[in-house]
PDB file of N, CA and C in Angstrom:
ATOM      1  N   UNK A   1       6.517  20.895  -6.793  1.00  0.00           N
ATOM      2  CA  UNK A   1       6.858  19.674  -6.524  1.00  0.00           C
ATOM      3  C   UNK A   1       5.738  17.939  -6.490  1.00  0.00           C
ATOM      4  N   UNK A   2       6.483  17.407  -7.996  1.00  0.00           N
ATOM      5  CA  UNK A   2       5.803  16.196  -7.698  1.00  0.00           C
ATOM      6  C   UNK A   2       6.107  15.448  -7.383  1.00  0.00           C
ATOM      7  N   UNK A   3       6.245  14.092  -6.897  1.00  0.00           N
ATOM      8  CA  UNK A   3       6.624  12.981  -6.422  1.00  0.00           C
ATOM      9  C   UNK A   3       6.692  11.755  -7.648  1.00  0.00           C
ATOM     10  N   UNK A   4       7.547  10.948  -7.604  1.00  0.00           N
ATOM     11  CA  UNK A   4       6.813   9.869  -8.253  1.00  0.00           C
ATOM     12  C   UNK A   4       6.402   8.708  -7.950  1.00  0.00           C
ATOM     13  N   UNK A   5       5.923   7.801  -8.662  1.00  0.00           N
ATOM     14  CA  UNK A   5       5.136   5.877  -8.261  1.00  0.00           C
ATOM     15  C   UNK A   5       6.359   5.866  -7.736  1.00  0.00           C
ATOM     16  N   UNK A   6       7.360   5.906  -7.781  1.00  0.00           N
ATOM     17  CA  UNK A   6       7.959   5.107  -7.033  1.00  0.00           C
ATOM     18  C   UNK A   6       8.478   5.113  -5.616  1.00  0.00           C
ATOM     19  N   UNK A   7       8.792   6.925  -5.295  1.00  0.00           N
ATOM     20  CA  UNK A   7       8.961   7.302  -4.488  1.00  0.00           C
ATOM     21  C   UNK A   7       7.582   6.287  -3.538  1.00  0.00           C
ATOM     22  N   UNK A   8       6.741   7.425  -4.190  1.00  0.00           N
ATOM     23  CA  UNK A   8       5.189   7.425  -3.210  1.00  0.00           C
ATOM     24  C   UNK A   8       5.718   5.366  -2.607  1.00  0.00           C
ATOM     25  N   UNK A   9       5.482   4.511  -4.134  1.00  0.00           N
ATOM     26  CA  UNK A   9       6.113   3.064  -3.382  1.00  0.00           C
ATOM     27  C   UNK A   9       7.436   3.091  -2.415  1.00  0.00           C
ATOM     28  N   UNK A  10       8.163   3.197  -2.868  1.00  0.00           N
ATOM     29  CA  UNK A  10       9.492   3.307  -1.262  1.00  0.00           C
ATOM     30  C   UNK A  10       8.782   3.543   0.046  1.00  0.00           C
ATOM     31  N   UNK A  11       8.036   5.447   0.115  1.00  0.00           N
ATOM     32  CA  UNK A  11       7.733   5.599   1.569  1.00  0.00           C
ATOM     33  C   UNK A  11       6.485   4.543   1.908  1.00  0.00           C
ATOM     34  N   UNK A  12       5.855   3.524   0.903  1.00  0.00           N
ATOM     35  CA  UNK A  12       4.595   3.110   1.506  1.00  0.00           C
ATOM     36  C   UNK A  12       4.939   1.655   2.670  1.00  0.00           C
ATOM     37  N   UNK A  13       6.183   1.270   1.251  1.00  0.00           N
ATOM     38  CA  UNK A  13       7.353   0.054   1.720  1.00  0.00           C
ATOM     39  C   UNK A  13       8.046   0.669   3.224  1.00  0.00           C
ATOM     40  N   UNK A  14       8.102   1.575   3.124  1.00  0.00           N
ATOM     41  CA  UNK A  14       8.976   2.349   4.612  1.00  0.00           C
ATOM     42  C   UNK A  14       7.906   1.962   5.236  1.00  0.00           C
ATOM     43  N   UNK A  15       6.602   2.545   5.212  1.00  0.00           N
ATOM     44  CA  UNK A  15       5.333   2.582   5.895  1.00  0.00           C
ATOM     45  C   UNK A  15       4.742   0.795   6.413  1.00  0.00           C
ATOM     46  N   UNK A  16       5.081   0.080   5.952  1.00  0.00           N
ATOM     47  CA  UNK A  16       4.346  -1.564   5.665  1.00  0.00           C
ATOM     48  C   UNK A  16       5.006  -2.137   6.429  1.00  0.00           C
ATOM     49  N   UNK A  17       6.646  -2.011   6.328  1.00  0.00           N
ATOM     50  CA  UNK A  17       7.804  -3.123   7.401  1.00  0.00           C
ATOM     51  C   UNK A  17       8.098  -1.816   8.971  1.00  0.00           C
ATOM     52  N   UNK A  18       7.641  -1.448   8.589  1.00  0.00           N
ATOM     53  CA  UNK A  18       7.922  -0.260  10.538  1.00  0.00           C
ATOM     54  C   UNK A  18       7.265  -0.679  11.500  1.00  0.00           C
ATOM     55  N   UNK A  19       7.269  -1.801  12.246  1.00  0.00           N
ATOM     56  CA  UNK A  19       7.152  -2.405  13.440  1.00  0.00           C
ATOM     57  C   UNK A  19       6.557  -1.418  14.230  1.00  0.00           C
ATOM     58  N   UNK A  20       6.381  -0.299  14.093  1.00  0.00           N
ATOM     59  CA  UNK A  20       5.484   0.817  14.691  1.00  0.00           C
ATOM     60  C   UNK A  20       4.009   1.315  14.675  1.00  0.00           C
ATOM     61  N   UNK A  21       4.194   0.570  13.060  1.00  0.00           N
ATOM     62  CA  UNK A  21       2.844   1.473  12.492  1.00  0.00           C
ATOM     63  C   UNK A  21       1.826   0.606  12.889  1.00  0.00           C
ATOM     64  N   UNK A  22       0.843   1.703  12.981  1.00  0.00           N
ATOM     65  CA  UNK A  22      -0.306   1.350  13.542  1.00  0.00           C
ATOM     66  C   UNK A  22      -1.169   0.200  12.450  1.00  0.00           C
ATOM     67  N   UNK A  23      -1.851  -0.939  13.505  1.00  0.00           N
ATOM     68  CA  UNK A  23      -3.183  -2.192  12.055  1.00  0.00           C
ATOM     69  C   UNK A  23      -4.063  -1.066  11.457  1.00  0.00           C
ATOM     70  N   UNK A  24      -4.504   0.182  12.478  1.00  0.00           N
ATOM     71  CA  UNK A  24      -4.956   0.732  11.467  1.00  0.00           C
ATOM     72  C   UNK A  24      -4.256   1.600  10.154  1.00  0.00           C
ATOM     73  N   UNK A  25      -3.307   1.941   9.970  1.00  0.00           N
ATOM     74  CA  UNK A  25      -2.345   2.216   8.962  1.00  0.00           C
ATOM     75  C   UNK A  25      -2.333   1.627   7.640  1.00  0.00           C
ATOM     76  N   UNK A  26      -1.945  -0.021   8.681  1.00  0.00           N
ATOM     77  CA  UNK A  26      -1.547  -1.175   7.546  1.00  0.00           C
ATOM     78  C   UNK A  26      -2.985  -1.506   6.042  1.00  0.00           C
ATOM     79  N   UNK A  27      -3.726  -1.667   7.818  1.00  0.00           N
ATOM     80  CA  UNK A  27      -5.315  -2.359   7.042  1.00  0.00           C
ATOM     81  C   UNK A  27      -5.913  -0.593   5.938  1.00  0.00           C
ATOM     82  N   UNK A  28      -5.625   0.447   6.376  1.00  0.00           N
ATOM     83  CA  UNK A  28      -6.132   1.435   5.099  1.00  0.00           C
ATOM     84  C   UNK A  28      -5.118   1.200   4.286  1.00  0.00           C
ATOM     85  N   UNK A  29      -4.159   0.462   4.444  1.00  0.00           N
ATOM     86  CA  UNK A  29      -3.317   0.617   2.785  1.00  0.00           C
ATOM     87  C   UNK A  29      -3.278  -0.045   2.138  1.00  0.00           C
ATOM     88  N   UNK A  30      -3.799  -1.487   2.756  1.00  0.00           N
ATOM     89  CA  UNK A  30      -4.553  -2.393   1.915  1.00  0.00           C
ATOM     90  C   UNK A  30      -5.435  -2.233   1.412  1.00  0.00           C
ATOM     91  N   UNK A  31      -6.330  -1.407   2.080  1.00  0.00           N
ATOM     92  CA  UNK A  31      -8.251  -1.646   1.498  1.00  0.00           C
ATOM     93  C   UNK A  31      -7.872  -0.767   0.084  1.00  0.00           C
ATOM     94  N   UNK A  32      -6.679  -0.391  -0.293  1.00  0.00           N
ATOM     95  CA  UNK A  32      -6.657   0.400  -1.465  1.00  0.00           C
ATOM     96  C   UNK A  32      -5.726  -0.055  -2.897  1.00  0.00           C
ATOM     97  N   UNK A  33      -5.072  -0.904  -1.691  1.00  0.00           N
ATOM     98  CA  UNK A  33      -4.221  -2.055  -2.659  1.00  0.00           C
ATOM     99  C   UNK A  33      -5.356  -2.859  -3.570  1.00  0.00           C
ATOM    100  N   UNK A  34      -4.494  -2.969  -4.962  1.00  0.00           N
ATOM    101  CA  UNK A  34      -4.954  -4.157  -6.146  1.00  0.00           C
ATOM    102  C   UNK A  34      -4.249  -5.119  -6.577  1.00  0.00           C
ATOM    103  N   UNK A  35      -3.266  -5.422  -5.904  1.00  0.00           N
ATOM    104  CA  UNK A  35      -2.317  -6.456  -6.571  1.00  0.00           C
ATOM    105  C   UNK A  35      -2.443  -7.990  -6.482  1.00  0.00           C
ATOM    106  N   UNK A  36      -3.479  -8.241  -6.453  1.00  0.00           N
ATOM    107  CA  UNK A  36      -4.220  -9.016  -6.506  1.00  0.00           C
ATOM    108  C   UNK A  36      -5.457  -9.283  -7.267  1.00  0.00           C
ATOM    109  N   UNK A  37      -5.116  -7.930  -8.095  1.00  0.00           N
ATOM    110  CA  UNK A  37      -6.443  -7.804  -9.052  1.00  0.00           C
ATOM    111  C   UNK A  37      -7.471  -7.403  -8.567  1.00  0.00           C
ATOM    112  N   UNK A  38      -8.084  -7.543  -6.927  1.00  0.00           N
ATOM    113  CA  UNK A  38      -9.101  -6.918  -6.695  1.00  0.00           C
ATOM    114  C   UNK A  38      -9.182  -6.153  -5.097  1.00  0.00           C
ATOM    115  N   UNK A  39      -9.346  -4.343  -5.068  1.00  0.00           N
ATOM    116  CA  UNK A  39      -9.652  -3.886  -4.599  1.00  0.00           C
ATOM    117  C   UNK A  39      -9.692  -4.542  -2.916  1.00  0.00           C
ATOM    118  N   UNK A  40      -8.033  -4.324  -2.404  1.00  0.00           N
ATOM    119  CA  UNK A  40      -8.394  -5.136  -0.533  1.00  0.00           C
ATOM    120  C   UNK A  40      -8.340  -6.059  -0.765  1.00  0.00           C
ATOM    121  N   UNK A  41      -8.176  -7.018  -2.098  1.00  0.00           N
ATOM    122  CA  UNK A  41      -8.703  -8.448  -1.797  1.00  0.00           C
ATOM    123  C   UNK A  41      -7.445  -9.113  -0.483  1.00  0.00           C
ATOM    124  N   UNK A  42      -7.657  -9.800   0.045  1.00  0.00           N
ATOM    125  CA  UNK A  42      -6.489 -10.289   1.401  1.00  0.00           C
ATOM    126  C   UNK A  42      -6.358 -11.969   0.565  1.00  0.00           C
ATOM    127  N   UNK A  43      -5.364 -12.113   0.112  1.00  0.00           N
ATOM    128  CA  UNK A  43      -5.188 -13.763  -0.498  1.00  0.00           C
ATOM    129  C   UNK A  43      -5.114 -14.618   0.844  1.00  0.00           C
ATOM    130  N   UNK A  44      -4.587 -15.773   0.339  1.00  0.00           N
ATOM    131  CA  UNK A  44      -4.488 -16.879   1.649  1.00  0.00           C
ATOM    132  C   UNK A  44      -3.546 -16.901   2.641  1.00  0.00           C
ATOM    133  N   UNK A  45      -2.655 -16.268   2.003  1.00  0.00           N
ATOM    134  CA  UNK A  45      -1.045 -16.647   2.420  1.00  0.00           C
ATOM    135  C   UNK A  45      -1.815 -14.903   3.415  1.00  0.00           C
ATOM    136  N   UNK A  46      -2.084 -14.490   3.627  1.00  0.00           N
ATOM    137  CA  UNK A  46      -2.587 -13.254   3.830  1.00  0.00           C
ATOM    138  C   UNK A  46      -2.436 -11.793   3.453  1.00  0.00           C
ATOM    139  N   UNK A  47      -1.808 -10.753   4.328  1.00  0.00           N
ATOM    140  CA  UNK A  47      -1.119 -10.042   4.167  1.00  0.00           C
ATOM    141  C   UNK A  47       0.151  -9.857   3.666  1.00  0.00           C
ATOM    142  N   UNK A  48       0.497  -9.681   2.156  1.00  0.00           N
ATOM    143  CA  UNK A  48       2.290  -9.911   2.026  1.00  0.00           C
ATOM    144  C   UNK A  48       2.279  -8.179   1.228  1.00  0.00           C
ATOM    145  N   UNK A  49       3.437  -8.004   1.588  1.00  0.00           N
ATOM    146  CA  UNK A  49       4.073  -6.843   0.834  1.00  0.00           C
ATOM    147  C   UNK A  49       3.895  -7.053  -0.972  1.00  0.00           C
ATOM    148  N   UNK A  50       4.172  -7.617  -1.369  1.00  0.00           N
ATOM    149  CA  UNK A  50       3.691  -7.922  -2.939  1.00  0.00           C
ATOM    150  C   UNK A  50       2.537  -7.194  -3.683  1.00  0.00           C
ATOM    151  N   UNK A  51       1.025  -7.673  -2.446  1.00  0.00           N
ATOM    152  CA  UNK A  51      -0.212  -6.777  -2.622  1.00  0.00           C
ATOM    153  C   UNK A  51      -0.768  -5.660  -3.161  1.00  0.00           C
ATOM    154  N   UNK A  52       0.629  -5.152  -2.412  1.00  0.00           N
ATOM    155  CA  UNK A  52       0.637  -3.441  -2.091  1.00  0.00           C
ATOM    156  C   UNK A  52       1.936  -3.001  -3.041  1.00  0.00           C
ATOM    157  N   UNK A  53       3.000  -4.263  -3.789  1.00  0.00           N
ATOM    158  CA  UNK A  53       4.416  -4.078  -4.428  1.00  0.00           C
ATOM    159  C   UNK A  53       3.598  -3.711  -6.224  1.00  0.00           C
ATOM    160  N   UNK A  54       2.813  -4.463  -5.907  1.00  0.00           N
ATOM    161  CA  UNK A  54       2.276  -5.206  -7.681  1.00  0.00           C
ATOM    162  C   UNK A  54       1.114  -4.615  -7.729  1.00  0.00           C
ATOM    163  N   UNK A  55       0.470  -3.293  -7.020  1.00  0.00           N
ATOM    164  CA  UNK A  55      -0.675  -2.702  -7.507  1.00  0.00           C
ATOM    165  C   UNK A  55      -0.581  -1.917  -8.736  1.00  0.00           C
ATOM    166  N   UNK A  56      -1.786  -1.356  -8.896  1.00  0.00           N
ATOM    167  CA  UNK A  56      -1.481  -0.448 -10.770  1.00  0.00           C
ATOM    168  C   UNK A  56      -1.744   1.044  -9.828  1.00  0.00           C
ATOM    169  N   UNK A  57      -0.814   2.353 -11.000  1.00  0.00           N
ATOM    170  CA  UNK A  57      -0.554   3.782 -10.267  1.00  0.00           C
ATOM    171  C   UNK A  57      -1.543   3.985  -9.760  1.00  0.00           C
ATOM    172  N   UNK A  58      -2.686   3.876 -10.186  1.00  0.00           N
ATOM    173  CA  UNK A  58      -3.860   4.303  -9.224  1.00  0.00           C
ATOM    174  C   UNK A  58      -4.189   3.879  -7.793  1.00  0.00           C
ATOM    175  N   UNK A  59      -3.606   2.585  -7.515  1.00  0.00           N
ATOM    176  CA  UNK A  59      -3.557   2.248  -6.478  1.00  0.00           C
ATOM    177  C   UNK A  59      -2.868   2.347  -5.406  1.00  0.00           C
ATOM    178  N   UNK A  60      -2.077   2.688  -6.090  1.00  0.00           N
ATOM    179  CA  UNK A  60      -0.533   3.258  -5.761  1.00  0.00           C
ATOM    180  C   UNK A  60      -0.375   4.918  -4.992  1.00  0.00           C
ATOM    181  N   UNK A  61      -1.698   5.544  -6.120  1.00  0.00           N
ATOM    182  CA  UNK A  61      -1.355   6.974  -5.864  1.00  0.00           C
ATOM    183  C   UNK A  61      -2.857   6.913  -4.070  1.00  0.00           C
ATOM    184  N   UNK A  62      -3.295   6.021  -4.827  1.00  0.00           N
ATOM    185  CA  UNK A  62      -4.748   5.803  -3.140  1.00  0.00           C
ATOM    186  C   UNK A  62      -3.706   5.752  -1.464  1.00  0.00           C
ATOM    187  N   UNK A  63      -2.834   4.196  -2.181  1.00  0.00           N
ATOM    188  CA  UNK A  63      -2.092   4.790  -0.683  1.00  0.00           C
ATOM    189  C   UNK A  63      -1.525   5.473   0.067  1.00  0.00           C
ATOM    190  N   UNK A  64      -0.691   6.061  -1.521  1.00  0.00           N
ATOM    191  CA  UNK A  64      -0.026   7.030  -0.865  1.00  0.00           C
ATOM    192  C   UNK A  64      -0.797   7.915  -0.494  1.00  0.00           C
ATOM    193  N   UNK A  65      -2.265   8.666  -0.575  1.00  0.00           N
ATOM    194  CA  UNK A  65      -3.222   9.367   0.077  1.00  0.00           C
ATOM    195  C   UNK A  65      -3.292   9.120   1.142  1.00  0.00           C
ATOM    196  N   UNK A  66      -3.425   7.987   1.755  1.00  0.00           N
ATOM    197  CA  UNK A  66      -4.255   7.021   3.056  1.00  0.00           C
ATOM    198  C   UNK A  66      -2.566   7.567   3.961  1.00  0.00           C
ATOM    199  N   UNK A  67      -2.006   7.424   3.277  1.00  0.00           N
ATOM    200  CA  UNK A  67      -0.487   7.667   3.945  1.00  0.00           C
ATOM    201  C   UNK A  67      -0.464   9.015   4.027  1.00  0.00           C
ATOM    202  N   UNK A  68      -0.632   9.800   3.883  1.00  0.00           N
ATOM    203  CA  UNK A  68       0.142  10.928   3.514  1.00  0.00           C
ATOM    204  C   UNK A  68      -1.238  12.103   4.067  1.00  0.00           C
ATOM    205  N   UNK A  69      -2.113  11.572   4.543  1.00  0.00           N
ATOM    206  CA  UNK A  69      -3.478  12.484   5.015  1.00  0.00           C
ATOM    207  C   UNK A  69      -2.782  12.628   6.117  1.00  0.00           C
TER     208      UNK A  69
END
């Protein structure tokens, strides 16, 4: 059974918004994001969900691997 990018992103979003998520998990997810053009780039406003949401399919798959390892 394969999982779609939308399903991956939904699970990543749930983890990102989870108040019990560890900083280690959040930083590891962010390190794979590329929604701001450069992998792991932290913009002036800081860690922002849109950096994950706007990531490329390859980056979403990488974040999914972080989440499911």
